[in-house]
mmCIF file of all heavy atoms, coordinates in Angstrom:
data_MODEL
# 
_entry.id   MODEL 
# 
loop_
_atom_site.group_PDB 
_atom_site.id 
_atom_site.type_symbol 
_atom_site.label_atom_id 
_atom_site.label_alt_id 
_atom_site.label_comp_id 
_atom_site.label_asym_id 
_atom_site.label_entity_id 
_atom_site.label_seq_id 
_atom_site.pdbx_PDB_ins_code 
_atom_site.Cartn_x 
_atom_site.Cartn_y 
_atom_site.Cartn_z 
_atom_site.occupancy 
_atom_site.B_iso_or_equiv 
_atom_site.pdbx_formal_charge 
_atom_site.auth_seq_id 
_atom_site.auth_comp_id 
_atom_site.auth_asym_id 
_atom_site.auth_atom_id 
_atom_site.pdbx_PDB_model_num 
ATOM 1   N N   . CYS A 1 1  ? -14.955 0.375   -14.035 1.00 0.00 ? 1  CYS A N   1 
ATOM 2   C CA  . CYS A 1 1  ? -14.309 0.408   -12.716 1.00 0.00 ? 1  CYS A CA  1 
ATOM 3   C C   . CYS A 1 1  ? -14.325 1.769   -12.049 1.00 0.00 ? 1  CYS A C   1 
ATOM 4   O O   . CYS A 1 1  ? -14.230 1.847   -10.814 1.00 0.00 ? 1  CYS A O   1 
ATOM 5   C CB  . CYS A 1 1  ? -12.868 -0.086  -12.835 1.00 0.00 ? 1  CYS A CB  1 
ATOM 6   S SG  . CYS A 1 1  ? -12.736 -1.823  -13.330 1.00 0.00 ? 1  CYS A SG  1 
ATOM 7   N N   . ASN A 1 2  ? -14.432 2.847   -12.806 1.00 0.00 ? 2  ASN A N   1 
ATOM 8   C CA  . ASN A 1 2  ? -14.398 4.171   -12.191 1.00 0.00 ? 2  ASN A CA  1 
ATOM 9   C C   . ASN A 1 2  ? -15.786 4.758   -11.945 1.00 0.00 ? 2  ASN A C   1 
ATOM 10  O O   . ASN A 1 2  ? -15.900 5.905   -11.512 1.00 0.00 ? 2  ASN A O   1 
ATOM 11  C CB  . ASN A 1 2  ? -13.533 5.119   -13.020 1.00 0.00 ? 2  ASN A CB  1 
ATOM 12  C CG  . ASN A 1 2  ? -12.061 4.920   -12.733 1.00 0.00 ? 2  ASN A CG  1 
ATOM 13  O OD1 . ASN A 1 2  ? -11.589 5.210   -11.635 1.00 0.00 ? 2  ASN A OD1 1 
ATOM 14  N ND2 . ASN A 1 2  ? -11.333 4.381   -13.697 1.00 0.00 ? 2  ASN A ND2 1 
ATOM 15  N N   . HIS A 1 3  ? -16.818 3.971   -12.194 1.00 0.00 ? 3  HIS A N   1 
ATOM 16  C CA  . HIS A 1 3  ? -18.143 4.382   -11.735 1.00 0.00 ? 3  HIS A CA  1 
ATOM 17  C C   . HIS A 1 3  ? -18.150 4.295   -10.206 1.00 0.00 ? 3  HIS A C   1 
ATOM 18  O O   . HIS A 1 3  ? -17.595 3.360   -9.622  1.00 0.00 ? 3  HIS A O   1 
ATOM 19  C CB  . HIS A 1 3  ? -19.217 3.467   -12.322 1.00 0.00 ? 3  HIS A CB  1 
ATOM 20  C CG  . HIS A 1 3  ? -20.609 3.940   -12.078 1.00 0.00 ? 3  HIS A CG  1 
ATOM 21  N ND1 . HIS A 1 3  ? -21.223 3.855   -10.839 1.00 0.00 ? 3  HIS A ND1 1 
ATOM 22  C CD2 . HIS A 1 3  ? -21.521 4.516   -12.902 1.00 0.00 ? 3  HIS A CD2 1 
ATOM 23  C CE1 . HIS A 1 3  ? -22.438 4.354   -10.908 1.00 0.00 ? 3  HIS A CE1 1 
ATOM 24  N NE2 . HIS A 1 3  ? -22.653 4.764   -12.158 1.00 0.00 ? 3  HIS A NE2 1 
ATOM 25  N N   . PRO A 1 4  ? -18.761 5.237   -9.510  1.00 0.00 ? 4  PRO A N   1 
ATOM 26  C CA  . PRO A 1 4  ? -18.747 5.215   -8.039  1.00 0.00 ? 4  PRO A CA  1 
ATOM 27  C C   . PRO A 1 4  ? -19.222 3.899   -7.431  1.00 0.00 ? 4  PRO A C   1 
ATOM 28  O O   . PRO A 1 4  ? -18.690 3.459   -6.405  1.00 0.00 ? 4  PRO A O   1 
ATOM 29  C CB  . PRO A 1 4  ? -19.673 6.376   -7.664  1.00 0.00 ? 4  PRO A CB  1 
ATOM 30  C CG  . PRO A 1 4  ? -19.539 7.327   -8.805  1.00 0.00 ? 4  PRO A CG  1 
ATOM 31  C CD  . PRO A 1 4  ? -19.390 6.471   -10.028 1.00 0.00 ? 4  PRO A CD  1 
ATOM 32  N N   . ILE A 1 5  ? -20.196 3.244   -8.043  1.00 0.00 ? 5  ILE A N   1 
ATOM 33  C CA  . ILE A 1 5  ? -20.691 1.975   -7.511  1.00 0.00 ? 5  ILE A CA  1 
ATOM 34  C C   . ILE A 1 5  ? -19.622 0.888   -7.627  1.00 0.00 ? 5  ILE A C   1 
ATOM 35  O O   . ILE A 1 5  ? -19.396 0.107   -6.696  1.00 0.00 ? 5  ILE A O   1 
ATOM 36  C CB  . ILE A 1 5  ? -21.983 1.541   -8.236  1.00 0.00 ? 5  ILE A CB  1 
ATOM 37  C CG1 . ILE A 1 5  ? -23.094 2.567   -7.979  1.00 0.00 ? 5  ILE A CG1 1 
ATOM 38  C CG2 . ILE A 1 5  ? -22.405 0.143   -7.788  1.00 0.00 ? 5  ILE A CG2 1 
ATOM 39  C CD1 . ILE A 1 5  ? -23.446 2.765   -6.518  1.00 0.00 ? 5  ILE A CD1 1 
ATOM 40  N N   . LEU A 1 6  ? -18.944 0.846   -8.772  1.00 0.00 ? 6  LEU A N   1 
ATOM 41  C CA  . LEU A 1 6  ? -17.875 -0.137  -8.953  1.00 0.00 ? 6  LEU A CA  1 
ATOM 42  C C   . LEU A 1 6  ? -16.685 0.180   -8.058  1.00 0.00 ? 6  LEU A C   1 
ATOM 43  O O   . LEU A 1 6  ? -16.044 -0.725  -7.518  1.00 0.00 ? 6  LEU A O   1 
ATOM 44  C CB  . LEU A 1 6  ? -17.438 -0.177  -10.419 1.00 0.00 ? 6  LEU A CB  1 
ATOM 45  C CG  . LEU A 1 6  ? -18.061 -1.249  -11.304 1.00 0.00 ? 6  LEU A CG  1 
ATOM 46  C CD1 . LEU A 1 6  ? -17.606 -2.633  -10.910 1.00 0.00 ? 6  LEU A CD1 1 
ATOM 47  C CD2 . LEU A 1 6  ? -19.582 -1.159  -11.280 1.00 0.00 ? 6  LEU A CD2 1 
ATOM 48  N N   . ARG A 1 7  ? -16.376 1.461   -7.881  1.00 0.00 ? 7  ARG A N   1 
ATOM 49  C CA  . ARG A 1 7  ? -15.272 1.828   -6.990  1.00 0.00 ? 7  ARG A CA  1 
ATOM 50  C C   . ARG A 1 7  ? -15.547 1.304   -5.588  1.00 0.00 ? 7  ARG A C   1 
ATOM 51  O O   . ARG A 1 7  ? -14.653 0.764   -4.922  1.00 0.00 ? 7  ARG A O   1 
ATOM 52  C CB  . ARG A 1 7  ? -15.084 3.348   -6.964  1.00 0.00 ? 7  ARG A CB  1 
ATOM 53  C CG  . ARG A 1 7  ? -14.672 3.944   -8.298  1.00 0.00 ? 7  ARG A CG  1 
ATOM 54  C CD  . ARG A 1 7  ? -13.927 5.261   -8.126  1.00 0.00 ? 7  ARG A CD  1 
ATOM 55  N NE  . ARG A 1 7  ? -14.629 6.272   -7.392  1.00 0.00 ? 7  ARG A NE  1 
ATOM 56  C CZ  . ARG A 1 7  ? -15.311 7.278   -7.941  1.00 0.00 ? 7  ARG A CZ  1 
ATOM 57  N NH1 . ARG A 1 7  ? -15.421 7.367   -9.257  1.00 0.00 ? 7  ARG A NH1 1 
ATOM 58  N NH2 . ARG A 1 7  ? -15.887 8.190   -7.193  1.00 0.00 ? 7  ARG A NH2 1 
ATOM 59  N N   . THR A 1 8  ? -16.788 1.462   -5.131  1.00 0.00 ? 8  THR A N   1 
ATOM 60  C CA  . THR A 1 8  ? -17.137 0.978   -3.796  1.00 0.00 ? 8  THR A CA  1 
ATOM 61  C C   . THR A 1 8  ? -17.031 -0.537  -3.724  1.00 0.00 ? 8  THR A C   1 
ATOM 62  O O   . THR A 1 8  ? -16.483 -1.094  -2.761  1.00 0.00 ? 8  THR A O   1 
ATOM 63  C CB  . THR A 1 8  ? -18.559 1.429   -3.427  1.00 0.00 ? 8  THR A CB  1 
ATOM 64  O OG1 . THR A 1 8  ? -18.596 2.866   -3.396  1.00 0.00 ? 8  THR A OG1 1 
ATOM 65  C CG2 . THR A 1 8  ? -18.968 0.892   -2.065  1.00 0.00 ? 8  THR A CG2 1 
ATOM 66  N N   . LEU A 1 9  ? -17.544 -1.231  -4.741  1.00 0.00 ? 9  LEU A N   1 
ATOM 67  C CA  . LEU A 1 9  ? -17.476 -2.690  -4.743  1.00 0.00 ? 9  LEU A CA  1 
ATOM 68  C C   . LEU A 1 9  ? -16.023 -3.162  -4.711  1.00 0.00 ? 9  LEU A C   1 
ATOM 69  O O   . LEU A 1 9  ? -15.671 -4.084  -3.956  1.00 0.00 ? 9  LEU A O   1 
ATOM 70  C CB  . LEU A 1 9  ? -18.191 -3.249  -5.976  1.00 0.00 ? 9  LEU A CB  1 
ATOM 71  C CG  . LEU A 1 9  ? -18.243 -4.773  -6.087  1.00 0.00 ? 9  LEU A CG  1 
ATOM 72  C CD1 . LEU A 1 9  ? -19.561 -5.219  -6.733  1.00 0.00 ? 9  LEU A CD1 1 
ATOM 73  C CD2 . LEU A 1 9  ? -17.085 -5.340  -6.909  1.00 0.00 ? 9  LEU A CD2 1 
ATOM 74  N N   . ILE A 1 10 ? -15.163 -2.549  -5.524  1.00 0.00 ? 10 ILE A N   1 
ATOM 75  C CA  . ILE A 1 10 ? -13.758 -2.952  -5.587  1.00 0.00 ? 10 ILE A CA  1 
ATOM 76  C C   . ILE A 1 10 ? -13.081 -2.732  -4.241  1.00 0.00 ? 10 ILE A C   1 
ATOM 77  O O   . ILE A 1 10 ? -12.355 -3.601  -3.746  1.00 0.00 ? 10 ILE A O   1 
ATOM 78  C CB  . ILE A 1 10 ? -13.044 -2.194  -6.719  1.00 0.00 ? 10 ILE A CB  1 
ATOM 79  C CG1 . ILE A 1 10 ? -13.525 -2.713  -8.079  1.00 0.00 ? 10 ILE A CG1 1 
ATOM 80  C CG2 . ILE A 1 10 ? -11.525 -2.339  -6.602  1.00 0.00 ? 10 ILE A CG2 1 
ATOM 81  C CD1 . ILE A 1 10 ? -13.059 -1.882  -9.264  1.00 0.00 ? 10 ILE A CD1 1 
ATOM 82  N N   . LEU A 1 11 ? -13.300 -1.569  -3.623  1.00 0.00 ? 11 LEU A N   1 
ATOM 83  C CA  . LEU A 1 11 ? -12.687 -1.310  -2.310  1.00 0.00 ? 11 LEU A CA  1 
ATOM 84  C C   . LEU A 1 11 ? -13.241 -2.252  -1.251  1.00 0.00 ? 11 LEU A C   1 
ATOM 85  O O   . LEU A 1 11 ? -12.491 -2.772  -0.410  1.00 0.00 ? 11 LEU A O   1 
ATOM 86  C CB  . LEU A 1 11 ? -12.906 0.147   -1.903  1.00 0.00 ? 11 LEU A CB  1 
ATOM 87  C CG  . LEU A 1 11 ? -11.761 1.111   -2.199  1.00 0.00 ? 11 LEU A CG  1 
ATOM 88  C CD1 . LEU A 1 11 ? -10.530 0.762   -1.359  1.00 0.00 ? 11 LEU A CD1 1 
ATOM 89  C CD2 . LEU A 1 11 ? -11.401 1.115   -3.670  1.00 0.00 ? 11 LEU A CD2 1 
ATOM 90  N N   . ASP A 1 12 ? -14.549 -2.480  -1.263  1.00 0.00 ? 12 ASP A N   1 
ATOM 91  C CA  . ASP A 1 12 ? -15.134 -3.419  -0.301  1.00 0.00 ? 12 ASP A CA  1 
ATOM 92  C C   . ASP A 1 12 ? -14.517 -4.801  -0.457  1.00 0.00 ? 12 ASP A C   1 
ATOM 93  O O   . ASP A 1 12 ? -14.218 -5.491  0.534   1.00 0.00 ? 12 ASP A O   1 
ATOM 94  C CB  . ASP A 1 12 ? -16.647 -3.512  -0.499  1.00 0.00 ? 12 ASP A CB  1 
ATOM 95  C CG  . ASP A 1 12 ? -17.385 -2.262  -0.031  1.00 0.00 ? 12 ASP A CG  1 
ATOM 96  O OD1 . ASP A 1 12 ? -16.772 -1.430  0.670   1.00 0.00 ? 12 ASP A OD1 1 
ATOM 97  O OD2 . ASP A 1 12 ? -18.579 -2.127  -0.376  1.00 0.00 ? 12 ASP A OD2 1 
ATOM 98  N N   . CYS A 1 13 ? -14.326 -5.202  -1.688  1.00 0.00 ? 13 CYS A N   1 
ATOM 99  C CA  . CYS A 1 13 ? -13.767 -6.517  -1.973  1.00 0.00 ? 13 CYS A CA  1 
ATOM 100 C C   . CYS A 1 13 ? -12.331 -6.628  -1.467  1.00 0.00 ? 13 CYS A C   1 
ATOM 101 O O   . CYS A 1 13 ? -11.972 -7.582  -0.762  1.00 0.00 ? 13 CYS A O   1 
ATOM 102 C CB  . CYS A 1 13 ? -13.820 -6.781  -3.476  1.00 0.00 ? 13 CYS A CB  1 
ATOM 103 S SG  . CYS A 1 13 ? -13.092 -8.352  -3.976  1.00 0.00 ? 13 CYS A SG  1 
ATOM 104 N N   . LEU A 1 14 ? -11.491 -5.666  -1.804  1.00 0.00 ? 14 LEU A N   1 
ATOM 105 C CA  . LEU A 1 14 ? -10.095 -5.705  -1.376  1.00 0.00 ? 14 LEU A CA  1 
ATOM 106 C C   . LEU A 1 14 ? -9.986  -5.676  0.147   1.00 0.00 ? 14 LEU A C   1 
ATOM 107 O O   . LEU A 1 14 ? -9.186  -6.405  0.751   1.00 0.00 ? 14 LEU A O   1 
ATOM 108 C CB  . LEU A 1 14 ? -9.324  -4.541  -1.998  1.00 0.00 ? 14 LEU A CB  1 
ATOM 109 C CG  . LEU A 1 14 ? -9.230  -4.535  -3.532  1.00 0.00 ? 14 LEU A CG  1 
ATOM 110 C CD1 . LEU A 1 14 ? -8.525  -3.265  -4.005  1.00 0.00 ? 14 LEU A CD1 1 
ATOM 111 C CD2 . LEU A 1 14 ? -8.519  -5.766  -4.058  1.00 0.00 ? 14 LEU A CD2 1 
ATOM 112 N N   . GLN A 1 15 ? -10.786 -4.822  0.768   1.00 0.00 ? 15 GLN A N   1 
ATOM 113 C CA  . GLN A 1 15 ? -10.762 -4.751  2.230   1.00 0.00 ? 15 GLN A CA  1 
ATOM 114 C C   . GLN A 1 15 ? -11.207 -6.072  2.852   1.00 0.00 ? 15 GLN A C   1 
ATOM 115 O O   . GLN A 1 15 ? -10.653 -6.512  3.866   1.00 0.00 ? 15 GLN A O   1 
ATOM 116 C CB  . GLN A 1 15 ? -11.663 -3.608  2.710   1.00 0.00 ? 15 GLN A CB  1 
ATOM 117 C CG  . GLN A 1 15 ? -11.117 -2.230  2.401   1.00 0.00 ? 15 GLN A CG  1 
ATOM 118 C CD  . GLN A 1 15 ? -12.120 -1.134  2.730   1.00 0.00 ? 15 GLN A CD  1 
ATOM 119 O OE1 . GLN A 1 15 ? -13.290 -1.401  2.973   1.00 0.00 ? 15 GLN A OE1 1 
ATOM 120 N NE2 . GLN A 1 15 ? -11.659 0.109   2.746   1.00 0.00 ? 15 GLN A NE2 1 
ATOM 121 N N   . TYR A 1 16 ? -12.186 -6.726  2.244   1.00 0.00 ? 16 TYR A N   1 
ATOM 122 C CA  . TYR A 1 16 ? -12.650 -8.019  2.765   1.00 0.00 ? 16 TYR A CA  1 
ATOM 123 C C   . TYR A 1 16 ? -11.531 -9.054  2.722   1.00 0.00 ? 16 TYR A C   1 
ATOM 124 O O   . TYR A 1 16 ? -11.288 -9.760  3.709   1.00 0.00 ? 16 TYR A O   1 
ATOM 125 C CB  . TYR A 1 16 ? -13.839 -8.508  1.942   1.00 0.00 ? 16 TYR A CB  1 
ATOM 126 C CG  . TYR A 1 16 ? -14.258 -9.923  2.274   1.00 0.00 ? 16 TYR A CG  1 
ATOM 127 C CD1 . TYR A 1 16 ? -14.952 -10.200 3.444   1.00 0.00 ? 16 TYR A CD1 1 
ATOM 128 C CD2 . TYR A 1 16 ? -13.946 -10.980 1.421   1.00 0.00 ? 16 TYR A CD2 1 
ATOM 129 C CE1 . TYR A 1 16 ? -15.331 -11.503 3.767   1.00 0.00 ? 16 TYR A CE1 1 
ATOM 130 C CE2 . TYR A 1 16 ? -14.318 -12.285 1.728   1.00 0.00 ? 16 TYR A CE2 1 
ATOM 131 C CZ  . TYR A 1 16 ? -15.003 -12.539 2.898   1.00 0.00 ? 16 TYR A CZ  1 
ATOM 132 O OH  . TYR A 1 16 ? -15.361 -13.830 3.217   1.00 0.00 ? 16 TYR A OH  1 
ATOM 133 N N   . TRP A 1 17 ? -10.819 -9.133  1.600   1.00 0.00 ? 17 TRP A N   1 
ATOM 134 C CA  . TRP A 1 17 ? -9.750  -10.133 1.479   1.00 0.00 ? 17 TRP A CA  1 
ATOM 135 C C   . TRP A 1 17 ? -8.601  -9.846  2.440   1.00 0.00 ? 17 TRP A C   1 
ATOM 136 O O   . TRP A 1 17 ? -7.918  -10.771 2.895   1.00 0.00 ? 17 TRP A O   1 
ATOM 137 C CB  . TRP A 1 17 ? -9.249  -10.203 0.037   1.00 0.00 ? 17 TRP A CB  1 
ATOM 138 C CG  . TRP A 1 17 ? -10.185 -10.928 -0.873  1.00 0.00 ? 17 TRP A CG  1 
ATOM 139 C CD1 . TRP A 1 17 ? -11.074 -10.390 -1.756  1.00 0.00 ? 17 TRP A CD1 1 
ATOM 140 C CD2 . TRP A 1 17 ? -10.355 -12.352 -0.971  1.00 0.00 ? 17 TRP A CD2 1 
ATOM 141 N NE1 . TRP A 1 17 ? -11.784 -11.376 -2.399  1.00 0.00 ? 17 TRP A NE1 1 
ATOM 142 C CE2 . TRP A 1 17 ? -11.353 -12.591 -1.937  1.00 0.00 ? 17 TRP A CE2 1 
ATOM 143 C CE3 . TRP A 1 17 ? -9.761  -13.442 -0.340  1.00 0.00 ? 17 TRP A CE3 1 
ATOM 144 C CZ2 . TRP A 1 17 ? -11.770 -13.880 -2.285  1.00 0.00 ? 17 TRP A CZ2 1 
ATOM 145 C CZ3 . TRP A 1 17 ? -10.172 -14.725 -0.687  1.00 0.00 ? 17 TRP A CZ3 1 
ATOM 146 C CH2 . TRP A 1 17 ? -11.160 -14.933 -1.647  1.00 0.00 ? 17 TRP A CH2 1 
ATOM 147 N N   . VAL A 1 18 ? -8.400  -8.589  2.778   1.00 0.00 ? 18 VAL A N   1 
ATOM 148 C CA  . VAL A 1 18 ? -7.334  -8.248  3.730   1.00 0.00 ? 18 VAL A CA  1 
ATOM 149 C C   . VAL A 1 18 ? -7.800  -8.452  5.166   1.00 0.00 ? 18 VAL A C   1 
ATOM 150 O O   . VAL A 1 18 ? -7.120  -9.091  5.977   1.00 0.00 ? 18 VAL A O   1 
ATOM 151 C CB  . VAL A 1 18 ? -6.860  -6.796  3.514   1.00 0.00 ? 18 VAL A CB  1 
ATOM 152 C CG1 . VAL A 1 18 ? -5.948  -6.344  4.650   1.00 0.00 ? 18 VAL A CG1 1 
ATOM 153 C CG2 . VAL A 1 18 ? -6.133  -6.680  2.181   1.00 0.00 ? 18 VAL A CG2 1 
ATOM 154 N N   . MET A 1 19 ? -8.970  -7.925  5.510   1.00 0.00 ? 19 MET A N   1 
ATOM 155 C CA  . MET A 1 19 ? -9.431  -7.972  6.905   1.00 0.00 ? 19 MET A CA  1 
ATOM 156 C C   . MET A 1 19 ? -9.919  -9.355  7.318   1.00 0.00 ? 19 MET A C   1 
ATOM 157 O O   . MET A 1 19 ? -9.600  -9.828  8.403   1.00 0.00 ? 19 MET A O   1 
ATOM 158 C CB  . MET A 1 19 ? -10.539 -6.938  7.121   1.00 0.00 ? 19 MET A CB  1 
ATOM 159 C CG  . MET A 1 19 ? -10.076 -5.496  7.014   1.00 0.00 ? 19 MET A CG  1 
ATOM 160 S SD  . MET A 1 19 ? -11.343 -4.300  7.535   1.00 0.00 ? 19 MET A SD  1 
ATOM 161 C CE  . MET A 1 19 ? -12.641 -4.615  6.337   1.00 0.00 ? 19 MET A CE  1 
ATOM 162 N N   . GLU A 1 20 ? -10.690 -10.006 6.462   1.00 0.00 ? 20 GLU A N   1 
ATOM 163 C CA  . GLU A 1 20 ? -11.304 -11.282 6.828   1.00 0.00 ? 20 GLU A CA  1 
ATOM 164 C C   . GLU A 1 20 ? -10.514 -12.497 6.364   1.00 0.00 ? 20 GLU A C   1 
ATOM 165 O O   . GLU A 1 20 ? -10.590 -13.560 6.972   1.00 0.00 ? 20 GLU A O   1 
ATOM 166 C CB  . GLU A 1 20 ? -12.734 -11.364 6.271   1.00 0.00 ? 20 GLU A CB  1 
ATOM 167 C CG  . GLU A 1 20 ? -13.666 -10.296 6.803   1.00 0.00 ? 20 GLU A CG  1 
ATOM 168 C CD  . GLU A 1 20 ? -13.900 -10.415 8.306   1.00 0.00 ? 20 GLU A CD  1 
ATOM 169 O OE1 . GLU A 1 20 ? -13.679 -11.505 8.875   1.00 0.00 ? 20 GLU A OE1 1 
ATOM 170 O OE2 . GLU A 1 20 ? -14.293 -9.407  8.918   1.00 0.00 ? 20 GLU A OE2 1 
ATOM 171 N N   . MET A 1 21 ? -9.741  -12.351 5.281   1.00 0.00 ? 21 MET A N   1 
ATOM 172 C CA  . MET A 1 21 ? -9.008  -13.492 4.730   1.00 0.00 ? 21 MET A CA  1 
ATOM 173 C C   . MET A 1 21 ? -7.494  -13.367 4.918   1.00 0.00 ? 21 MET A C   1 
ATOM 174 O O   . MET A 1 21 ? -6.744  -14.279 4.583   1.00 0.00 ? 21 MET A O   1 
ATOM 175 C CB  . MET A 1 21 ? -9.329  -13.651 3.240   1.00 0.00 ? 21 MET A CB  1 
ATOM 176 C CG  . MET A 1 21 ? -10.823 -13.664 2.941   1.00 0.00 ? 21 MET A CG  1 
ATOM 177 S SD  . MET A 1 21 ? -11.676 -15.089 3.636   1.00 0.00 ? 21 MET A SD  1 
ATOM 178 C CE  . MET A 1 21 ? -11.793 -16.136 2.209   1.00 0.00 ? 21 MET A CE  1 
ATOM 179 N N   . HIS A 1 22 ? -7.031  -12.210 5.394   1.00 0.00 ? 22 HIS A N   1 
ATOM 180 C CA  . HIS A 1 22 ? -5.637  -11.977 5.787   1.00 0.00 ? 22 HIS A CA  1 
ATOM 181 C C   . HIS A 1 22 ? -4.626  -12.073 4.640   1.00 0.00 ? 22 HIS A C   1 
ATOM 182 O O   . HIS A 1 22 ? -3.464  -12.403 4.866   1.00 0.00 ? 22 HIS A O   1 
ATOM 183 C CB  . HIS A 1 22 ? -5.234  -12.937 6.915   1.00 0.00 ? 22 HIS A CB  1 
ATOM 184 C CG  . HIS A 1 22 ? -5.802  -12.578 8.247   1.00 0.00 ? 22 HIS A CG  1 
ATOM 185 N ND1 . HIS A 1 22 ? -5.219  -12.931 9.446   1.00 0.00 ? 22 HIS A ND1 1 
ATOM 186 C CD2 . HIS A 1 22 ? -6.925  -11.879 8.586   1.00 0.00 ? 22 HIS A CD2 1 
ATOM 187 C CE1 . HIS A 1 22 ? -5.945  -12.480 10.452  1.00 0.00 ? 22 HIS A CE1 1 
ATOM 188 N NE2 . HIS A 1 22 ? -6.991  -11.841 9.945   1.00 0.00 ? 22 HIS A NE2 1 
ATOM 189 N N   . VAL A 1 23 ? -5.052  -11.775 3.411   1.00 0.00 ? 23 VAL A N   1 
ATOM 190 C CA  . VAL A 1 23 ? -4.086  -11.817 2.318   1.00 0.00 ? 23 VAL A CA  1 
ATOM 191 C C   . VAL A 1 23 ? -3.159  -10.606 2.405   1.00 0.00 ? 23 VAL A C   1 
ATOM 192 O O   . VAL A 1 23 ? -3.484  -9.572  2.997   1.00 0.00 ? 23 VAL A O   1 
ATOM 193 C CB  . VAL A 1 23 ? -4.773  -11.893 0.943   1.00 0.00 ? 23 VAL A CB  1 
ATOM 194 C CG1 . VAL A 1 23 ? -5.727  -13.066 0.872   1.00 0.00 ? 23 VAL A CG1 1 
ATOM 195 C CG2 . VAL A 1 23 ? -5.478  -10.588 0.602   1.00 0.00 ? 23 VAL A CG2 1 
ATOM 196 N N   . ASP A 1 24 ? -1.992  -10.742 1.778   1.00 0.00 ? 24 ASP A N   1 
ATOM 197 C CA  . ASP A 1 24 ? -0.931  -9.738  1.897   1.00 0.00 ? 24 ASP A CA  1 
ATOM 198 C C   . ASP A 1 24 ? -0.826  -8.814  0.696   1.00 0.00 ? 24 ASP A C   1 
ATOM 199 O O   . ASP A 1 24 ? -0.116  -7.803  0.768   1.00 0.00 ? 24 ASP A O   1 
ATOM 200 C CB  . ASP A 1 24 ? 0.413   -10.449 2.082   1.00 0.00 ? 24 ASP A CB  1 
ATOM 201 C CG  . ASP A 1 24 ? 0.430   -11.327 3.314   1.00 0.00 ? 24 ASP A CG  1 
ATOM 202 O OD1 . ASP A 1 24 ? 0.754   -10.824 4.392   1.00 0.00 ? 24 ASP A OD1 1 
ATOM 203 O OD2 . ASP A 1 24 ? 0.099   -12.523 3.192   1.00 0.00 ? 24 ASP A OD2 1 
ATOM 204 N N   . GLY A 1 25 ? -1.476  -9.153  -0.407  1.00 0.00 ? 25 GLY A N   1 
ATOM 205 C CA  . GLY A 1 25 ? -1.333  -8.300  -1.571  1.00 0.00 ? 25 GLY A CA  1 
ATOM 206 C C   . GLY A 1 25 ? -2.173  -8.789  -2.732  1.00 0.00 ? 25 GLY A C   1 
ATOM 207 O O   . GLY A 1 25 ? -2.786  -9.867  -2.703  1.00 0.00 ? 25 GLY A O   1 
ATOM 208 N N   . PHE A 1 26 ? -2.190  -7.968  -3.788  1.00 0.00 ? 26 PHE A N   1 
ATOM 209 C CA  . PHE A 1 26 ? -2.974  -8.262  -4.983  1.00 0.00 ? 26 PHE A CA  1 
ATOM 210 C C   . PHE A 1 26 ? -2.160  -7.923  -6.218  1.00 0.00 ? 26 PHE A C   1 
ATOM 211 O O   . PHE A 1 26 ? -1.441  -6.928  -6.267  1.00 0.00 ? 26 PHE A O   1 
ATOM 212 C CB  . PHE A 1 26 ? -4.270  -7.441  -5.009  1.00 0.00 ? 26 PHE A CB  1 
ATOM 213 C CG  . PHE A 1 26 ? -5.135  -7.624  -3.798  1.00 0.00 ? 26 PHE A CG  1 
ATOM 214 C CD1 . PHE A 1 26 ? -5.049  -6.735  -2.732  1.00 0.00 ? 26 PHE A CD1 1 
ATOM 215 C CD2 . PHE A 1 26 ? -6.024  -8.684  -3.716  1.00 0.00 ? 26 PHE A CD2 1 
ATOM 216 C CE1 . PHE A 1 26 ? -5.845  -6.895  -1.610  1.00 0.00 ? 26 PHE A CE1 1 
ATOM 217 C CE2 . PHE A 1 26 ? -6.819  -8.850  -2.583  1.00 0.00 ? 26 PHE A CE2 1 
ATOM 218 C CZ  . PHE A 1 26 ? -6.727  -7.954  -1.531  1.00 0.00 ? 26 PHE A CZ  1 
ATOM 219 N N   . ARG A 1 27 ? -2.309  -8.761  -7.218  1.00 0.00 ? 27 ARG A N   1 
ATOM 220 C CA  . ARG A 1 27 ? -1.805  -8.455  -8.559  1.00 0.00 ? 27 ARG A CA  1 
ATOM 221 C C   . ARG A 1 27 ? -3.030  -8.212  -9.433  1.00 0.00 ? 27 ARG A C   1 
ATOM 222 O O   . ARG A 1 27 ? -3.918  -9.059  -9.534  1.00 0.00 ? 27 ARG A O   1 
ATOM 223 C CB  . ARG A 1 27 ? -0.964  -9.608  -9.084  1.00 0.00 ? 27 ARG A CB  1 
ATOM 224 C CG  . ARG A 1 27 ? -0.378  -9.393  -10.484 1.00 0.00 ? 27 ARG A CG  1 
ATOM 225 C CD  . ARG A 1 27 ? -1.223  -10.081 -11.549 1.00 0.00 ? 27 ARG A CD  1 
ATOM 226 N NE  . ARG A 1 27 ? -0.593  -10.093 -12.858 1.00 0.00 ? 27 ARG A NE  1 
ATOM 227 C CZ  . ARG A 1 27 ? -1.193  -10.484 -13.974 1.00 0.00 ? 27 ARG A CZ  1 
ATOM 228 N NH1 . ARG A 1 27 ? -2.456  -10.901 -13.946 1.00 0.00 ? 27 ARG A NH1 1 
ATOM 229 N NH2 . ARG A 1 27 ? -0.556  -10.484 -15.120 1.00 0.00 ? 27 ARG A NH2 1 
# 
């Protein structure tokens, strides 16, 4: 998860679920 490529994928993913899917949080 702390490889730069994985960090980017994780952030892209979280941002997608917030911006495009309107979720309020993550566990």
